[in-house]
Amino acid sequence: MIKTAEEQALMRTSGRLLASVFEALDTLPLEGMSTLQVNDWVERFIVDELQARPASKGQYGFGYVLNSSIDNVVCHGVPSADDILRSGSIVNLDITLEKGGYIADSSKTYLIGEVDYAAKRLVRVTREAMWKGIGVVRPGATLGDIGFAIQQHAKAHGYSVVREFCGHGIGQQMHEEPQVLHYGRRGDGLELEQGMTFTIEPMINQGRAAIDMSDDGWTVTTHDGKLSAQAEHTVLVTADGVEVLTLRTGERMPD
């Protein structure tokens, strides 16, 4: 699980490139596009502009470069020409990228057009919950500290945390040890060490935490049909804290 200085440098490169994908997406007029069009645009950008590999394509038999999870889709939404991004919706775009043999993973929930207050609040609190988890990362902290921070923030705002999916170690493989739960107790679990790299990617539901798996074997939805949002970054445990490898221009870690 511990990355050498050379491996950390390679992961910084992958993370910086993936951040640039989201920076480009931020300028794209998503409203009216199909999720398949977004997928194809991202694939061209990663391959042609960045000379990198979209790591999700072909992983576990998945045929696309991103997951597009709209409204009540919790995660693993499959891009489709029939799924049009319409005003009032939220969509999480989850993208991975490999460069130099190392992978970065990040996601962002976008507001499409005019979105109501309840949806905006969910997206904001989800992003805050991710940062709460990132904020406790340092050598000597535990995985339980991360989960506790995320769970407490979501719960304080009346939301629930999806438990079936979690963050994960990442490097040469998309999914490595450790598993990073988004709920837990302070002091529980693995103690963090300098050089670890992993994702923090809470899925926060507007209603109950219960989920359903769709017949396609990929798409996960909320059982009660209410909204779900997600935020994700890849992080590195440093000597005295944390470095966010997929940090985007204009983003900063909250104080």
Protein backbone atom coordinates (compact mmCIF):
# COMPACT_ATOMS: atom_id res chain seq x y z
CA MET A 1 0.00 0.00 0.00
CA ILE A 2 2.98 2.35 0.48
CA LYS A 3 4.09 4.20 -2.66
CA THR A 4 7.74 5.16 -3.18
CA ALA A 5 8.70 8.74 -4.01
CA GLU A 6 8.95 7.76 -7.68
CA GLU A 7 5.50 6.18 -7.61
CA GLN A 8 4.06 9.21 -5.86
CA ALA A 9 5.44 11.42 -8.63
CA LEU A 10 3.76 9.26 -11.27
CA MET A 11 0.48 9.42 -9.36
CA ARG A 12 0.73 13.19 -9.20
CA THR A 13 0.97 13.26 -12.98
CA SER A 14 -2.11 11.07 -13.41
CA GLY A 15 -4.01 13.10 -10.83
CA ARG A 16 -3.10 16.41 -12.46
CA LEU A 17 -4.24 15.13 -15.87
CA LEU A 18 -7.52 13.84 -14.46
CA ALA A 19 -8.13 17.19 -12.76
CA SER A 20 -7.75 18.83 -16.19
CA VAL A 21 -10.53 16.59 -17.54
CA PHE A 22 -12.96 18.01 -14.98
CA GLU A 23 -11.72 21.54 -15.60
CA ALA A 24 -12.58 21.03 -19.27
CA LEU A 25 -15.96 19.51 -18.39
CA ASP A 26 -16.72 22.60 -16.31
CA THR A 27 -16.73 24.63 -19.55
CA LEU A 28 -18.92 22.18 -21.47
CA PRO A 29 -22.63 23.01 -21.93
CA LEU A 30 -23.91 19.74 -20.46
CA GLU A 31 -27.62 20.60 -20.65
CA GLY A 32 -29.15 18.85 -23.67
CA MET A 33 -26.26 16.44 -24.15
CA SER A 34 -26.74 12.69 -23.78
CA THR A 35 -24.57 10.90 -21.28
CA LEU A 36 -23.12 8.92 -24.19
CA GLN A 37 -22.09 12.18 -25.87
CA VAL A 38 -20.37 13.24 -22.65
CA ASN A 39 -18.64 9.86 -22.46
CA ASP A 40 -17.37 10.14 -26.03
CA TRP A 41 -16.19 13.71 -25.49
CA VAL A 42 -14.25 12.69 -22.37
CA GLU A 43 -12.70 9.73 -24.17
CA ARG A 44 -11.45 11.95 -26.98
CA PHE A 45 -10.06 14.46 -24.49
CA ILE A 46 -8.18 11.84 -22.46
CA VAL A 47 -6.81 9.98 -25.47
CA ASP A 48 -6.18 12.78 -27.97
CA GLU A 49 -5.43 15.80 -25.78
CA LEU A 50 -3.74 14.13 -22.82
CA GLN A 51 -2.24 11.04 -24.51
CA ALA A 52 -3.49 9.00 -21.56
CA ARG A 53 -5.69 5.94 -21.09
CA PRO A 54 -9.26 6.00 -19.77
CA ALA A 55 -8.77 3.32 -17.13
CA SER A 56 -12.46 2.44 -16.65
CA LYS A 57 -12.97 1.31 -20.24
CA GLY A 58 -12.71 -2.46 -20.32
CA GLN A 59 -12.34 -2.74 -16.54
CA TYR A 60 -14.55 -5.60 -15.29
CA GLY A 61 -16.08 -5.68 -18.77
CA PHE A 62 -17.36 -2.08 -18.59
CA GLY A 63 -17.53 -0.56 -22.06
CA TYR A 64 -17.28 3.16 -21.31
CA VAL A 65 -14.81 5.69 -19.95
CA LEU A 66 -17.04 7.09 -17.20
CA ASN A 67 -20.04 6.45 -15.00
CA SER A 68 -22.91 8.91 -15.41
CA SER A 69 -25.28 8.75 -12.44
CA ILE A 70 -28.38 10.95 -12.78
CA ASP A 71 -30.71 12.01 -9.93
CA ASN A 72 -31.62 8.84 -7.97
CA VAL A 73 -28.74 6.81 -9.44
CA VAL A 74 -26.25 6.27 -6.64
CA CYS A 75 -23.32 5.08 -8.75
CA HIS A 76 -22.20 3.13 -11.82
CA GLY A 77 -24.69 4.71 -14.20
CA VAL A 78 -24.06 3.52 -17.76
CA PRO A 79 -23.74 6.17 -20.50
CA SER A 80 -26.60 6.05 -23.01
CA ALA A 81 -27.81 7.99 -26.05
CA ASP A 82 -31.27 7.92 -24.44
CA ASP A 83 -30.24 9.63 -21.20
CA ILE A 84 -30.42 13.36 -21.89
CA LEU A 85 -29.14 15.81 -19.27
CA ARG A 86 -32.12 18.06 -18.66
CA SER A 87 -32.50 21.22 -16.59
CA GLY A 88 -33.28 20.45 -12.97
CA SER A 89 -31.24 17.25 -12.80
CA ILE A 90 -27.99 16.44 -11.06
CA VAL A 91 -25.43 14.04 -12.54
CA ASN A 92 -22.30 12.54 -11.06
CA LEU A 93 -19.51 11.96 -13.56
CA ASP A 94 -16.97 9.44 -12.25
CA ILE A 95 -13.79 9.20 -14.32
CA THR A 96 -10.50 7.32 -14.05
CA LEU A 97 -7.28 7.95 -15.97
CA GLU A 98 -4.01 6.04 -16.29
CA LYS A 99 -0.71 7.60 -17.30
CA GLY A 100 2.73 6.07 -16.85
CA GLY A 101 1.26 2.92 -15.35
CA TYR A 102 -0.55 4.65 -12.47
CA ILE A 103 -4.25 5.46 -12.09
CA ALA A 104 -6.16 8.41 -10.63
CA ASP A 105 -9.89 8.40 -9.83
CA SER A 106 -12.23 11.32 -9.21
CA SER A 107 -15.85 12.34 -9.56
CA LYS A 108 -18.01 15.45 -9.41
CA THR A 109 -21.76 15.96 -9.23
CA TYR A 110 -22.90 18.60 -11.72
CA LEU A 111 -26.02 20.77 -11.51
CA ILE A 112 -27.82 20.84 -14.86
CA GLY A 113 -29.60 24.07 -15.67
CA GLU A 114 -31.96 25.39 -12.98
CA VAL A 115 -31.75 23.02 -10.01
CA ASP A 116 -33.95 23.39 -6.93
CA TYR A 117 -32.62 24.18 -3.46
CA ALA A 118 -33.02 20.64 -2.10
CA ALA A 119 -30.82 19.17 -4.83
CA LYS A 120 -28.24 21.96 -4.50
CA ARG A 121 -28.09 21.38 -0.75
CA LEU A 122 -27.53 17.64 -1.16
CA VAL A 123 -24.68 18.23 -3.63
CA ARG A 124 -23.09 20.85 -1.38
CA VAL A 125 -23.28 18.71 1.76
CA THR A 126 -21.90 15.69 -0.11
CA ARG A 127 -18.90 17.71 -1.25
CA GLU A 128 -18.44 19.02 2.30
CA ALA A 129 -18.62 15.46 3.68
CA MET A 130 -15.85 14.37 1.31
CA TRP A 131 -13.69 17.26 2.52
CA LYS A 132 -14.44 16.40 6.14
CA GLY A 133 -13.05 12.94 5.46
CA ILE A 134 -10.01 14.27 3.61
CA GLY A 135 -9.36 16.75 6.41
CA VAL A 136 -8.57 14.06 8.99
CA VAL A 137 -6.04 12.21 6.80
CA ARG A 138 -2.55 12.19 8.27
CA PRO A 139 -0.06 9.60 9.54
CA GLY A 140 -1.42 8.03 12.72
CA ALA A 141 -5.08 8.68 11.91
CA THR A 142 -7.28 5.68 11.14
CA LEU A 143 -9.70 4.71 8.43
CA GLY A 144 -12.42 4.88 11.06
CA ASP A 145 -11.62 8.56 11.60
CA ILE A 146 -12.37 9.22 7.92
CA GLY A 147 -15.66 7.33 7.97
CA PHE A 148 -16.75 8.97 11.22
CA ALA A 149 -16.14 12.48 9.90
CA ILE A 150 -18.12 11.81 6.73
CA GLN A 151 -21.00 10.05 8.48
CA GLN A 152 -21.37 12.74 11.14
CA HIS A 153 -21.56 15.53 8.59
CA ALA A 154 -24.16 13.73 6.46
CA LYS A 155 -26.24 12.77 9.48
CA ALA A 156 -26.18 16.30 10.87
CA HIS A 157 -27.88 17.48 7.67
CA GLY A 158 -30.52 14.72 7.67
CA TYR A 159 -28.90 12.54 5.00
CA SER A 160 -27.76 8.91 4.93
CA VAL A 161 -24.51 7.30 3.79
CA VAL A 162 -24.51 4.42 1.31
CA ARG A 163 -22.64 1.52 2.93
CA GLU A 164 -22.35 -1.00 0.11
CA PHE A 165 -19.71 1.00 -1.81
CA CYS A 166 -16.54 2.60 -0.50
CA GLY A 167 -13.28 4.29 -1.34
CA HIS A 168 -10.23 2.20 -2.10
CA GLY A 169 -6.50 2.09 -2.43
CA ILE A 170 -5.27 2.97 -5.91
CA GLY A 171 -2.03 2.87 -7.88
CA GLN A 172 -1.06 0.47 -10.63
CA GLN A 173 -4.48 -1.12 -10.13
CA MET A 174 -7.73 0.79 -9.94
CA HIS A 175 -8.78 -1.05 -6.80
CA GLU A 176 -6.13 -1.85 -4.21
CA GLU A 177 -6.12 -2.16 -0.44
CA PRO A 178 -7.31 -0.63 1.80
CA GLN A 179 -11.08 -0.30 1.61
CA VAL A 180 -12.10 3.16 2.80
CA LEU A 181 -15.56 3.10 4.38
CA HIS A 182 -17.58 6.30 4.55
CA TYR A 183 -18.94 5.50 8.00
CA GLY A 184 -17.25 4.26 11.13
CA ARG A 185 -15.94 5.03 14.59
CA ARG A 186 -12.99 7.15 15.60
CA GLY A 187 -9.87 5.11 16.18
CA ASP A 188 -11.14 2.01 14.39
CA GLY A 189 -9.48 0.34 11.44
CA LEU A 190 -6.12 0.58 9.73
CA GLU A 191 -3.69 3.26 10.87
CA LEU A 192 -2.64 5.55 8.03
CA GLU A 193 1.01 5.78 6.99
CA GLN A 194 2.96 8.18 4.83
CA GLY A 195 2.92 7.07 1.19
CA MET A 196 -0.55 5.51 1.12
CA THR A 197 -2.77 6.54 -1.80
CA PHE A 198 -6.52 5.97 -1.83
CA THR A 199 -9.84 7.49 -2.83
CA ILE A 200 -12.44 9.10 -0.61
CA GLU A 201 -15.77 9.07 -2.46
CA PRO A 202 -18.91 9.25 -0.28
CA MET A 203 -22.30 8.52 -1.80
CA ILE A 204 -24.89 10.48 0.18
CA ASN A 205 -28.65 9.85 -0.13
CA GLN A 206 -31.38 12.43 0.36
CA GLY A 207 -33.55 9.77 1.98
CA ARG A 208 -32.81 6.30 3.29
CA ALA A 209 -29.49 4.54 2.69
CA ALA A 210 -31.15 1.49 1.08
CA ILE A 211 -30.22 0.85 -2.56
CA ASP A 212 -31.30 -1.36 -5.46
CA MET A 213 -29.27 -2.96 -8.25
CA SER A 214 -30.68 -2.58 -11.75
CA ASP A 215 -31.08 -5.45 -14.21
CA ASP A 216 -28.10 -4.22 -16.26
CA GLY A 217 -25.81 -5.36 -13.46
CA TRP A 218 -24.22 -1.92 -13.11
CA THR A 219 -26.67 0.84 -12.26
CA VAL A 220 -27.32 1.31 -8.54
CA THR A 221 -30.35 3.40 -7.49
CA THR A 222 -31.87 4.63 -4.23
CA HIS A 223 -34.58 2.30 -3.00
CA ASP A 224 -36.93 5.17 -2.15
CA GLY A 225 -36.36 7.02 -5.43
CA LYS A 226 -34.88 10.09 -3.76
CA LEU A 227 -31.75 11.85 -4.96
CA SER A 228 -28.18 10.70 -4.39
CA ALA A 229 -24.93 12.62 -4.87
CA GLN A 230 -21.24 11.74 -4.79
CA ALA A 231 -17.90 13.54 -4.60
CA GLU A 232 -14.47 11.94 -4.96
CA HIS A 233 -10.78 12.69 -4.89
CA THR A 234 -7.62 10.58 -4.88
CA VAL A 235 -5.36 11.47 -1.94
CA LEU A 236 -1.82 10.81 -0.74
CA VAL A 237 -0.86 10.57 2.93
CA THR A 238 2.11 12.90 3.41
CA ALA A 239 4.59 13.26 6.27
CA ASP A 240 2.36 15.74 8.08
CA GLY A 241 -1.06 15.49 6.47
CA VAL A 242 -2.61 14.92 3.07
CA GLU A 243 -2.11 15.89 -0.57
CA VAL A 244 -5.11 15.83 -2.91
CA LEU A 245 -3.72 14.41 -6.13
CA THR A 246 -6.81 15.21 -8.23
CA LEU A 247 -7.30 18.77 -6.96
CA ARG A 248 -8.74 21.02 -9.67
CA THR A 249 -7.77 24.60 -10.47
CA GLY A 250 -9.69 26.93 -8.16
CA GLU A 251 -10.36 24.18 -5.62
CA ARG A 252 -8.86 24.39 -2.17
CA MET A 253 -9.06 22.33 0.96
CA PRO A 254 -11.42 23.96 3.47
CA ASP A 255 -9.82 25.38 6.62
